[in-house]
Amino acid sequence: MARPRWLLTAEANMWRFLMSIGMLLHTVAPPRPMSPSFTRTIPSTISPHKGSINLVFYTPANYTTTPAEPYPVLVNFHGGGFTIGTATDDSRWATKVVDEVGAVVVSVDYRRAPEFAFPTAVEDGVDAVLWLIHHAQELGIDAERIAVSGFSAGGNMAFTVPLRLEAELRKIEDSEVTVVKSSGTDAKNEMDGWSGGAARGGQTVIKTGSKVGKICAIIAWYPSTDFTISRPERRATNVDVSKELPKFFTDLFDASYLYPPKTLDVRSPYLSPGVADSEFLQRALPDEGVWVFTVEYDELRDEAERFVKRLRGLGKNVRGEMIRGVPHGWDKSVNPLKWDGDGEIRRVYQVGCEGLKEAFGRRG
């Protein structure tokens, strides 16, 4: 029998509190990650469940809203089974990207299940990207150089948000113009009703069909990609059962996010990108700049590796690696004395950063 939603919410809140303590310990270990630079709260526009979404910004030391060249942007989605976790959980990854790439990192505090089940998280992710496009000039960021990243559930969103973004842009493609010149007021009023354009210097610049609004790179860390596979089937693929994700967590995550269970289509491309239509994947995902990092002891590894092979078969240049000897979420150690004892986390984070540099440097 399915657990009532109020009970799932109570359980999720308990684990959110405990995880907040764990993440505090995670950030205490040296070297400490940077703190958020500032936060913006934006309205949700795509989900039928109206509300607000917090965007947590990490910026370079020389950040200014009037740079000589706009900053590239990495939009990040945290993990936690779409149920727990917060936008600051990946502060070490954000710090690495800011320091090594010189990009602005925007971590999305998407709304979580069970209060907001599928597909709210994905819709909130799309809202975040569209809002950044719309406000690129005032933030000093380059709307033509937007990448996405995510861990675990956030790794799923690193694929499903670009897919949902593509669908959202195509909805309005036929009714758009390329540039509408105005004195500024009329254009602003037009754009206030839709977050998918960018207002620049008295012009309303609509970006559907151009490079802006498209994702130039994806960095996915141990992502979930195929919910058509049952949880027992997933567990059976883990080569070390002693390092499985705890069943009480995965039960909570699935019951919270996959709702209502009897009618939810688990083949939705916004849930299971691994089984999405080939033409949709070819159109919505970048041909270059896709990086997938899996870990050896993970029930999500097999499905992610199958997805990588499929994308390569579609002509996508997908790179990455499987990190040996570590379990799911290994980079989120809660040991306050030691974070990355053997340097492996720094190494693979650096690989991800090199991929971002390459993607952000690619023009045309």
Protein backbone atom coordinates (compact mmCIF):
# COMPACT_ATOMS: atom_id res chain seq x y z
CA MET A 1 0.00 0.00 0.00
CA ALA A 2 1.26 3.46 -0.92
CA ARG A 3 2.23 5.65 1.99
CA PRO A 4 0.16 8.82 2.43
CA ARG A 5 1.73 12.02 1.13
CA TRP A 6 1.80 13.64 4.57
CA LEU A 7 3.90 10.76 5.89
CA LEU A 8 6.30 11.00 2.97
CA THR A 9 6.62 14.73 3.59
CA ALA A 10 7.40 14.18 7.26
CA GLU A 11 10.02 11.57 6.39
CA ALA A 12 11.54 13.81 3.72
CA ASN A 13 11.76 16.72 6.15
CA MET A 14 13.58 14.54 8.67
CA TRP A 15 16.16 13.47 6.09
CA ARG A 16 16.51 17.01 4.79
CA PHE A 17 17.44 18.16 8.29
CA LEU A 18 19.93 15.32 8.76
CA MET A 19 21.42 15.92 5.32
CA SER A 20 21.89 19.60 6.11
CA ILE A 21 24.09 18.55 9.04
CA GLY A 22 26.02 16.18 6.76
CA MET A 23 26.56 18.89 4.16
CA LEU A 24 27.77 21.27 6.87
CA LEU A 25 30.40 18.69 7.84
CA HIS A 26 31.17 18.20 4.14
CA THR A 27 32.09 21.87 3.74
CA VAL A 28 34.16 22.05 6.96
CA ALA A 29 36.94 19.79 5.66
CA PRO A 30 39.84 21.68 4.11
CA PRO A 31 40.07 23.23 1.65
CA ARG A 32 36.76 24.91 2.35
CA PRO A 33 34.59 25.77 -0.67
CA MET A 34 33.49 29.29 -1.46
CA SER A 35 30.24 30.65 -0.08
CA PRO A 36 27.44 31.76 -2.40
CA SER A 37 27.93 35.23 -3.83
CA PHE A 38 24.24 36.15 -3.97
CA THR A 39 20.79 34.66 -4.50
CA ARG A 40 17.90 35.57 -6.78
CA THR A 41 14.32 34.40 -6.34
CA ILE A 42 12.34 33.97 -9.54
CA PRO A 43 8.69 33.04 -10.20
CA SER A 44 7.79 29.70 -11.67
CA THR A 45 6.03 30.08 -15.02
CA ILE A 46 6.06 26.66 -16.66
CA SER A 47 4.77 24.40 -13.90
CA PRO A 48 1.02 24.57 -13.17
CA HIS A 49 2.05 24.67 -9.51
CA LYS A 50 2.92 28.33 -9.14
CA GLY A 51 5.55 29.38 -6.67
CA SER A 52 9.12 30.62 -6.53
CA ILE A 53 12.57 29.19 -7.24
CA ASN A 54 15.82 30.28 -5.61
CA LEU A 55 18.92 30.61 -7.78
CA VAL A 56 22.20 30.52 -5.86
CA PHE A 57 25.07 32.31 -7.63
CA TYR A 58 28.79 31.60 -7.29
CA THR A 59 30.87 34.22 -9.08
CA PRO A 60 34.56 34.85 -9.86
CA ALA A 61 36.46 37.26 -7.60
CA ASN A 62 36.52 39.86 -10.38
CA TYR A 63 32.80 39.56 -11.09
CA THR A 64 31.08 42.66 -12.39
CA THR A 65 27.77 43.12 -14.17
CA THR A 66 29.57 45.14 -16.86
CA PRO A 67 32.47 42.90 -17.92
CA ALA A 68 34.50 43.46 -21.07
CA GLU A 69 33.33 40.01 -22.13
CA PRO A 70 30.26 38.39 -20.58
CA TYR A 71 30.89 35.43 -18.29
CA PRO A 72 29.96 31.92 -19.40
CA VAL A 73 27.37 30.25 -17.17
CA LEU A 74 27.06 26.79 -15.63
CA VAL A 75 23.57 25.96 -14.35
CA ASN A 76 23.82 23.20 -11.75
CA PHE A 77 21.21 20.83 -10.30
CA HIS A 78 21.83 19.15 -6.95
CA GLY A 79 21.15 15.50 -6.15
CA GLY A 80 18.98 13.85 -3.52
CA GLY A 81 16.43 11.78 -5.40
CA PHE A 82 14.42 14.92 -6.27
CA THR A 83 13.41 14.81 -2.59
CA ILE A 84 16.26 15.99 -0.35
CA GLY A 85 19.32 18.18 -0.86
CA THR A 86 19.74 21.88 -1.57
CA ALA A 87 21.40 24.18 -4.08
CA THR A 88 24.50 24.61 -1.91
CA ASP A 89 25.34 20.89 -1.73
CA ASP A 90 27.63 21.11 -4.76
CA SER A 91 29.63 24.09 -3.51
CA ARG A 92 32.93 22.27 -4.02
CA TRP A 93 32.14 21.63 -7.68
CA ALA A 94 30.96 25.23 -8.02
CA THR A 95 34.20 26.48 -6.47
CA LYS A 96 36.28 24.39 -8.87
CA VAL A 97 34.36 25.69 -11.89
CA VAL A 98 34.60 29.33 -10.76
CA ASP A 99 38.33 29.04 -10.07
CA GLU A 100 39.33 26.97 -13.10
CA VAL A 101 36.87 28.09 -15.77
CA GLY A 102 36.10 31.65 -14.70
CA ALA A 103 32.41 30.98 -15.17
CA VAL A 104 29.43 32.07 -13.13
CA VAL A 105 27.79 29.05 -11.52
CA VAL A 106 24.06 29.17 -10.82
CA SER A 107 22.79 26.35 -8.62
CA VAL A 108 19.04 25.83 -8.77
CA ASP A 109 16.96 25.22 -5.65
CA TYR A 110 14.24 23.47 -7.59
CA ARG A 111 11.10 22.46 -5.72
CA ARG A 112 11.30 18.94 -4.33
CA ALA A 113 9.02 15.94 -3.92
CA PRO A 114 6.81 14.81 -2.30
CA GLU A 115 5.38 18.34 -2.06
CA PHE A 116 6.11 18.77 -5.77
CA ALA A 117 6.27 15.49 -7.68
CA PHE A 118 7.42 14.90 -11.26
CA PRO A 119 7.77 16.94 -13.44
CA THR A 120 8.01 20.08 -11.27
CA ALA A 121 11.77 19.85 -10.72
CA VAL A 122 12.43 19.70 -14.47
CA GLU A 123 10.02 22.56 -15.15
CA ASP A 124 11.76 24.66 -12.50
CA GLY A 125 15.09 23.90 -14.17
CA VAL A 126 13.77 25.18 -17.49
CA ASP A 127 12.43 28.30 -15.78
CA ALA A 128 15.91 28.93 -14.37
CA VAL A 129 17.58 28.69 -17.78
CA LEU A 130 14.98 30.92 -19.44
CA TRP A 131 15.23 33.51 -16.67
CA LEU A 132 19.01 33.64 -17.08
CA ILE A 133 18.62 34.17 -20.82
CA HIS A 134 16.12 36.94 -20.20
CA HIS A 135 18.37 38.66 -17.63
CA ALA A 136 21.74 37.96 -19.25
CA GLN A 137 22.67 41.58 -19.87
CA GLU A 138 21.92 42.82 -16.37
CA LEU A 139 23.86 39.90 -14.87
CA GLY A 140 26.86 40.28 -17.18
CA ILE A 141 26.55 36.71 -18.45
CA ASP A 142 26.75 35.25 -21.93
CA ALA A 143 23.45 33.69 -22.98
CA GLU A 144 25.24 31.97 -25.86
CA ARG A 145 27.51 30.07 -23.45
CA ILE A 146 25.24 28.21 -21.06
CA ALA A 147 26.12 24.73 -19.82
CA VAL A 148 24.30 22.50 -17.34
CA SER A 149 25.57 20.04 -14.77
CA GLY A 150 24.12 17.87 -12.06
CA PHE A 151 24.71 15.04 -9.63
CA SER A 152 22.54 11.91 -9.40
CA ALA A 153 18.96 13.21 -9.69
CA GLY A 154 20.56 16.46 -10.80
CA GLY A 155 22.48 14.46 -13.40
CA ASN A 156 19.11 13.31 -14.71
CA MET A 157 18.08 16.98 -14.91
CA ALA A 158 21.26 17.81 -16.83
CA PHE A 159 19.61 15.88 -19.68
CA THR A 160 15.90 16.33 -19.03
CA VAL A 161 16.04 20.12 -18.61
CA PRO A 162 17.55 20.63 -22.11
CA LEU A 163 14.91 18.28 -23.52
CA ARG A 164 12.09 20.14 -21.78
CA LEU A 165 13.65 23.48 -22.77
CA GLU A 166 13.64 22.45 -26.41
CA ALA A 167 9.96 21.48 -26.19
CA GLU A 168 9.09 24.79 -24.50
CA LEU A 169 10.89 26.85 -27.13
CA ARG A 170 9.28 24.97 -29.98
CA LYS A 171 5.82 25.72 -28.54
CA ILE A 172 6.26 29.39 -29.24
CA GLU A 173 8.59 29.23 -32.22
CA ASP A 174 5.94 29.98 -34.83
CA SER A 175 4.66 33.09 -33.05
CA GLU A 176 8.06 34.74 -32.53
CA VAL A 177 10.07 37.30 -34.39
CA THR A 178 13.82 37.64 -34.31
CA VAL A 179 14.12 41.23 -33.08
CA VAL A 180 11.39 43.68 -32.14
CA LYS A 181 12.73 47.21 -31.92
CA SER A 182 11.02 49.52 -29.47
CA SER A 183 11.71 52.34 -27.08
CA GLY A 184 12.07 49.72 -24.39
CA THR A 185 8.78 49.91 -22.49
CA ASP A 186 6.63 47.98 -24.95
CA ALA A 187 9.29 45.34 -25.39
CA LYS A 188 9.68 44.94 -21.66
CA ASN A 189 5.93 44.53 -21.22
CA GLU A 190 5.86 41.86 -23.91
CA MET A 191 8.70 39.95 -22.32
CA ASP A 192 7.33 40.14 -18.78
CA GLY A 193 4.72 37.64 -19.86
CA TRP A 194 7.28 35.17 -21.15
CA SER A 195 10.71 34.37 -19.80
CA GLY A 196 12.19 32.88 -22.94
CA GLY A 197 13.68 35.98 -24.52
CA ALA A 198 16.33 38.51 -23.68
CA ALA A 199 15.72 42.23 -23.34
CA ARG A 200 18.77 44.22 -24.42
CA GLY A 201 19.14 47.96 -24.83
CA GLY A 202 15.61 48.83 -26.01
CA GLN A 203 15.27 45.66 -28.07
CA THR A 204 13.42 42.49 -27.36
CA VAL A 205 15.67 39.78 -28.73
CA ILE A 206 13.86 36.48 -29.22
CA LYS A 207 16.23 33.58 -29.21
CA THR A 208 14.25 30.55 -30.34
CA GLY A 209 15.98 28.86 -33.25
CA SER A 210 19.30 30.61 -32.59
CA LYS A 211 22.26 29.60 -30.49
CA VAL A 212 20.98 31.48 -27.47
CA GLY A 213 18.64 29.35 -25.41
CA LYS A 214 20.46 26.22 -26.46
CA ILE A 215 22.71 24.31 -24.09
CA CYS A 216 26.34 24.18 -25.24
CA ALA A 217 27.56 21.54 -22.77
CA ILE A 218 26.30 18.91 -20.32
CA ILE A 219 28.29 17.54 -17.37
CA ALA A 220 26.40 14.69 -15.70
CA TRP A 221 27.72 13.01 -12.55
CA TYR A 222 26.43 9.47 -11.81
CA PRO A 223 23.01 10.28 -13.34
CA SER A 224 19.76 8.34 -13.33
CA THR A 225 18.60 8.01 -16.93
CA ASP A 226 16.00 5.23 -17.18
CA PHE A 227 13.05 4.88 -14.81
CA THR A 228 11.53 2.14 -16.96
CA ILE A 229 13.88 -0.18 -15.08
CA SER A 230 12.51 -1.31 -11.74
CA ARG A 231 14.45 -0.61 -8.56
CA PRO A 232 15.20 -4.33 -7.95
CA GLU A 233 16.52 -4.61 -11.52
CA ARG A 234 18.73 -1.59 -10.93
CA ARG A 235 20.09 -3.01 -7.69
CA ALA A 236 20.95 -6.28 -9.40
CA THR A 237 23.42 -4.43 -11.65
CA ASN A 238 25.56 -3.14 -8.75
CA VAL A 239 28.80 -5.10 -8.63
CA ASP A 240 29.14 -4.58 -4.85
CA VAL A 241 25.88 -4.95 -2.93
CA SER A 242 27.55 -3.64 0.25
CA LYS A 243 27.79 -0.23 -1.42
CA GLU A 244 24.20 0.08 -2.60
CA LEU A 245 22.08 3.13 -2.07
CA PRO A 246 20.08 2.49 1.14
CA LYS A 247 16.69 0.99 0.33
CA PHE A 248 14.88 3.33 2.73
CA PHE A 249 16.23 6.25 0.66
CA THR A 250 15.35 4.86 -2.75
CA ASP A 251 11.88 3.86 -1.52
CA LEU A 252 11.34 7.41 -0.27
CA PHE A 253 12.64 8.95 -3.48
CA ASP A 254 10.52 6.79 -5.77
CA ALA A 255 7.33 7.13 -3.74
CA SER A 256 7.80 10.89 -3.51
CA TYR A 257 8.76 11.79 -7.08
CA LEU A 258 7.04 9.10 -9.17
CA TYR A 259 3.49 10.18 -8.43
CA PRO A 260 0.77 9.16 -9.06
CA PRO A 261 2.37 5.71 -9.45
CA LYS A 262 -0.47 4.04 -11.34
CA THR A 263 -0.77 6.63 -14.10
CA LEU A 264 2.71 8.15 -14.36
CA ASP A 265 4.36 7.40 -17.71
CA VAL A 266 7.89 6.38 -16.74
CA ARG A 267 8.87 6.51 -20.43
CA SER A 268 8.50 10.29 -20.46
CA PRO A 269 11.68 11.86 -21.91
CA TYR A 270 11.59 14.31 -19.00
CA LEU A 271 11.98 11.39 -16.60
CA SER A 272 13.82 8.73 -18.62
CA PRO A 273 16.04 10.45 -21.20
CA GLY A 274 17.69 7.10 -21.85
CA VAL A 275 14.61 5.93 -23.76
CA ALA A 276 13.66 9.26 -25.36
CA ASP A 277 12.93 9.48 -29.07
CA SER A 278 16.13 9.54 -31.11
CA GLU A 279 15.14 12.55 -33.19
CA PHE A 280 14.31 14.47 -30.01
CA LEU A 281 17.70 13.66 -28.51
CA GLN A 282 19.51 14.67 -31.68
CA ARG A 283 17.68 17.99 -31.85
CA ALA A 284 17.78 18.98 -28.19
CA LEU A 285 21.20 17.88 -26.94
CA PRO A 286 24.52 19.39 -28.02
CA ASP A 287 26.58 17.47 -30.56
CA GLU A 288 29.77 18.29 -28.63
CA GLY A 289 30.47 18.95 -24.97
CA VAL A 290 28.56 16.06 -23.37
CA TRP A 291 30.41 14.49 -20.42
CA VAL A 292 29.11 11.62 -18.29
CA PHE A 293 30.91 10.43 -15.18
CA THR A 294 29.78 7.17 -13.59
CA VAL A 295 31.10 5.36 -10.52
CA GLU A 296 31.92 1.68 -10.21
CA TYR A 297 29.67 0.74 -7.28
CA ASP A 298 26.38 2.20 -8.40
CA GLU A 299 23.04 0.76 -9.43
CA LEU A 300 22.69 3.66 -11.91
CA ARG A 301 25.93 2.92 -13.71
CA ASP A 302 24.65 0.42 -16.28
CA GLU A 303 21.77 2.60 -17.49
CA ALA A 304 24.02 5.65 -17.76
CA GLU A 305 26.58 3.71 -19.78
CA ARG A 306 23.84 2.39 -22.10
CA PHE A 307 22.67 5.97 -22.61
CA VAL A 308 26.21 7.06 -23.45
CA LYS A 309 26.46 4.34 -26.10
CA ARG A 310 23.10 5.33 -27.52
CA LEU A 311 24.06 9.01 -27.76
CA ARG A 312 27.31 8.10 -29.46
CA GLY A 313 25.31 6.03 -31.93
CA LEU A 314 23.29 9.15 -32.70
CA GLY A 315 26.48 11.02 -33.55
CA LYS A 316 26.97 12.83 -30.25
CA ASN A 317 30.52 13.24 -29.02
CA VAL A 318 30.08 11.96 -25.46
CA ARG A 319 33.10 11.71 -23.20
CA GLY A 320 33.75 10.98 -19.55
CA GLU A 321 34.83 8.02 -17.49
CA MET A 322 33.88 5.48 -14.88
CA ILE A 323 35.60 6.25 -11.56
CA ARG A 324 36.76 2.95 -10.09
CA GLY A 325 36.49 1.80 -6.51
CA VAL A 326 33.93 4.36 -5.33
CA PRO A 327 30.16 4.35 -4.66
CA HIS A 328 27.35 6.70 -5.62
CA GLY A 329 27.87 10.16 -4.16
CA TRP A 330 31.49 9.45 -3.19
CA ASP A 331 32.45 13.10 -3.65
CA LYS A 332 30.02 14.22 -0.92
CA SER A 333 31.97 12.82 2.06
CA VAL A 334 30.76 14.08 5.45
CA ASN A 335 34.16 13.55 7.10
CA PRO A 336 34.96 17.01 8.56
CA LEU A 337 38.70 16.22 8.64
CA LYS A 338 39.26 14.95 5.11
CA TRP A 339 37.40 15.54 1.88
CA ASP A 340 39.58 14.26 -0.97
CA GLY A 341 42.32 12.17 0.56
CA ASP A 342 43.74 10.66 -2.64
CA GLY A 343 43.05 13.63 -4.93
CA GLU A 344 40.69 11.65 -7.17
CA ILE A 345 37.77 14.06 -6.75
CA ARG A 346 39.92 17.02 -7.70
CA ARG A 347 41.21 15.10 -10.71
CA VAL A 348 37.81 14.26 -12.16
CA TYR A 349 36.42 17.70 -11.31
CA GLN A 350 39.36 19.08 -13.31
CA VAL A 351 38.41 16.84 -16.25
CA GLY A 352 34.91 18.29 -16.09
CA CYS A 353 36.32 21.81 -15.99
CA GLU A 354 38.48 21.14 -19.04
CA GLY A 355 35.34 20.00 -20.86
CA LEU A 356 33.61 23.25 -19.92
CA LYS A 357 36.56 25.35 -21.08
CA GLU A 358 36.47 23.58 -24.42
CA ALA A 359 32.71 24.07 -24.81
CA PHE A 360 32.75 27.71 -23.72
CA GLY A 361 35.64 28.42 -26.09
CA ARG A 362 33.84 26.92 -29.06
CA ARG A 363 32.15 29.55 -31.25
CA GLY A 364 29.97 29.36 -34.31
